[in-house]
Structure formats: structure tokens, C-alpha cells
Amino acid sequence: MMILIAGPYRSGTNDDPQLIQANVDAMMDMALKVFLRGHLPVLGEWYALPLIDQAGSQSIGDEMFNNIFHPVARRLVPFCTGCLRIGGASSGADDMVETARRHGKSVFYSIDEIPITNV
């Protein structure tokens, strides 16, 4: 399965770069666990952040950032088998869960819900 990891990015950080990095690290840790279960993890950040930089965004939350960040993940959802929701409160992560449901994708709330496959 290809599984989108949906967790907080900016939520609860007041845009503090260290706290944002901690959120990214949590998603990356979970991505590794998904991979080790035999699946292909994906984070919207992997696609969005380089595009945001290339587009000339000057700061988190500026117009260019907002025009790319969540739309990238929404475009990824149809290509994924499912979505794994991790972490605390996040309207963006909740949006990815709802987008996954609208596309008929599986939604997981724990790594233990994801089967282990033989690769």
C-alpha cells in the first residue's frame, strides 16, 4: 500500500522552526515504521516544501505557501491506498483524513492497524 502520513505540521508551533521540525520528525518516524511493515509511505511535505521554495515563498503561511502546501497533499490522496493520521490537533491533517474518506481510501489511526506484508 502507499500510505499518506497526515500529522500536524504548523499546529501548536506558533511557527517556531524547532517545533515544526519536531512535527516533521514525528511524521518521518512513522513513515519509517510504515516502510518497515512493507508499504510505501508518503508525506505531502516531501512534494510541497521544494515546490514552495522554488515558487519563491518568503515565509510559512504566505500566499505562495498556502497555495501549494495543502493542495499538494490533496492531490496525492487519490494515488494512495490509505491515510495514517498521527499526532495532535491539526486542521490540515484532519482535512487529509476527510479527503481520503471522500476518495474511498482506508484511514488508519495506529501503525498497528496497518498489516505487515512480505516484501
Protein backbone atom coordinates (compact mmCIF):
# COMPACT_ATOMS: atom_id res chain seq x y z
CA MET A 1 0.00 0.00 0.00
CA MET A 2 1.02 3.62 -0.47
CA ILE A 3 0.05 5.44 2.71
CA LEU A 4 -0.09 9.21 3.23
CA ILE A 5 1.13 10.17 6.70
CA ALA A 6 -1.08 13.01 7.95
CA GLY A 7 0.00 14.80 11.08
CA PRO A 8 0.49 18.30 12.42
CA TYR A 9 3.00 20.48 10.61
CA ARG A 10 2.40 24.00 11.95
CA SER A 11 -0.33 23.28 14.50
CA GLY A 12 0.63 24.21 18.03
CA THR A 13 4.01 25.57 16.97
CA ASN A 14 3.39 29.32 16.59
CA ASP A 15 5.59 28.75 13.51
CA ASP A 16 8.64 28.01 15.70
CA PRO A 17 11.05 26.19 13.34
CA GLN A 18 12.21 23.77 16.05
CA LEU A 19 8.64 22.74 16.88
CA ILE A 20 7.78 22.40 13.20
CA GLN A 21 10.85 20.19 12.77
CA ALA A 22 9.70 18.05 15.71
CA ASN A 23 6.36 17.56 13.92
CA VAL A 24 8.16 16.61 10.69
CA ASP A 25 10.41 14.23 12.62
CA ALA A 26 7.34 12.52 14.10
CA MET A 27 5.88 12.03 10.62
CA MET A 28 9.24 10.75 9.35
CA ASP A 29 9.50 8.30 12.24
CA MET A 30 6.06 6.97 11.36
CA ALA A 31 6.96 6.85 7.67
CA LEU A 32 9.87 4.57 8.51
CA LYS A 33 7.57 2.29 10.53
CA VAL A 34 5.14 2.11 7.60
CA PHE A 35 8.02 1.27 5.26
CA LEU A 36 9.29 -1.45 7.60
CA ARG A 37 5.81 -3.02 7.54
CA GLY A 38 6.27 -3.44 3.78
CA HIS A 39 4.47 -0.38 2.43
CA LEU A 40 5.38 2.87 0.71
CA PRO A 41 4.90 5.91 2.95
CA VAL A 42 4.45 9.41 1.56
CA LEU A 43 4.33 12.85 3.14
CA GLY A 44 2.81 15.81 1.38
CA GLU A 45 5.73 17.82 2.75
CA TRP A 46 8.14 15.84 0.57
CA TYR A 47 6.45 17.30 -2.50
CA ALA A 48 5.16 20.62 -1.22
CA LEU A 49 8.19 22.11 0.52
CA PRO A 50 10.55 22.03 -2.50
CA LEU A 51 7.79 23.48 -4.69
CA ILE A 52 7.10 26.21 -2.14
CA ASP A 53 10.79 27.08 -2.08
CA GLN A 54 11.03 27.05 -5.88
CA ALA A 55 7.93 29.26 -6.14
CA GLY A 56 9.64 31.93 -4.06
CA SER A 57 7.69 31.74 -0.83
CA GLN A 58 9.18 34.14 1.68
CA SER A 59 7.67 32.70 4.87
CA ILE A 60 5.50 29.95 6.26
CA GLY A 61 1.88 30.89 5.73
CA ASP A 62 2.41 33.42 2.97
CA GLU A 63 0.20 33.28 -0.11
CA MET A 64 2.56 31.07 -2.11
CA PHE A 65 2.93 28.66 0.81
CA ASN A 66 -0.83 28.42 1.24
CA ASN A 67 -1.42 27.95 -2.49
CA ILE A 68 0.82 24.87 -2.53
CA PHE A 69 1.10 23.23 0.90
CA HIS A 70 -2.27 21.53 1.44
CA PRO A 71 -3.25 21.33 -2.24
CA VAL A 72 -0.26 19.06 -2.88
CA ALA A 73 -1.39 16.57 -0.23
CA ARG A 74 -4.97 16.69 -1.52
CA ARG A 75 -3.65 15.80 -4.99
CA LEU A 76 -1.66 12.90 -3.54
CA VAL A 77 -4.62 11.27 -1.83
CA PRO A 78 -6.19 9.70 -4.96
CA PHE A 79 -2.89 7.90 -5.65
CA CYS A 80 -2.65 6.49 -2.12
CA THR A 81 -4.23 3.36 -0.74
CA GLY A 82 -4.82 4.99 2.59
CA CYS A 83 -4.03 7.69 5.11
CA LEU A 84 -2.45 7.30 8.55
CA ARG A 85 -3.47 10.10 10.94
CA ILE A 86 -0.91 10.76 13.65
CA GLY A 87 -0.21 13.37 16.30
CA GLY A 88 -2.33 16.02 17.92
CA ALA A 89 -4.77 18.62 16.74
CA SER A 90 -4.34 19.68 13.13
CA SER A 91 -6.98 21.00 10.79
CA GLY A 92 -4.72 20.20 7.83
CA ALA A 93 -4.23 16.57 8.89
CA ASP A 94 -7.96 16.27 9.56
CA ASP A 95 -8.58 17.64 6.06
CA MET A 96 -6.37 14.87 4.61
CA VAL A 97 -8.38 12.26 6.53
CA GLU A 98 -11.65 13.66 5.16
CA THR A 99 -10.18 13.85 1.66
CA ALA A 100 -9.10 10.21 1.95
CA ARG A 101 -12.59 9.19 3.06
CA ARG A 102 -14.19 11.07 0.16
CA HIS A 103 -11.94 9.12 -2.19
CA GLY A 104 -12.87 5.81 -0.55
CA LYS A 105 -9.41 5.29 0.93
CA SER A 106 -8.62 3.45 4.14
CA VAL A 107 -7.97 5.64 7.17
CA PHE A 108 -5.71 4.34 9.92
CA TYR A 109 -5.16 5.82 13.38
CA SER A 110 -2.44 3.47 14.57
CA ILE A 111 0.52 1.76 12.96
CA ASP A 112 -0.89 -1.48 14.38
CA GLU A 113 -3.90 -1.16 12.07
CA ILE A 114 -1.61 -1.44 9.04
CA PRO A 115 -0.86 -5.04 8.07
CA ILE A 116 2.68 -6.32 7.79
CA THR A 117 3.45 -7.62 4.31
CA ASN A 118 6.21 -9.81 2.96
CA VAL A 119 8.33 -7.80 0.60
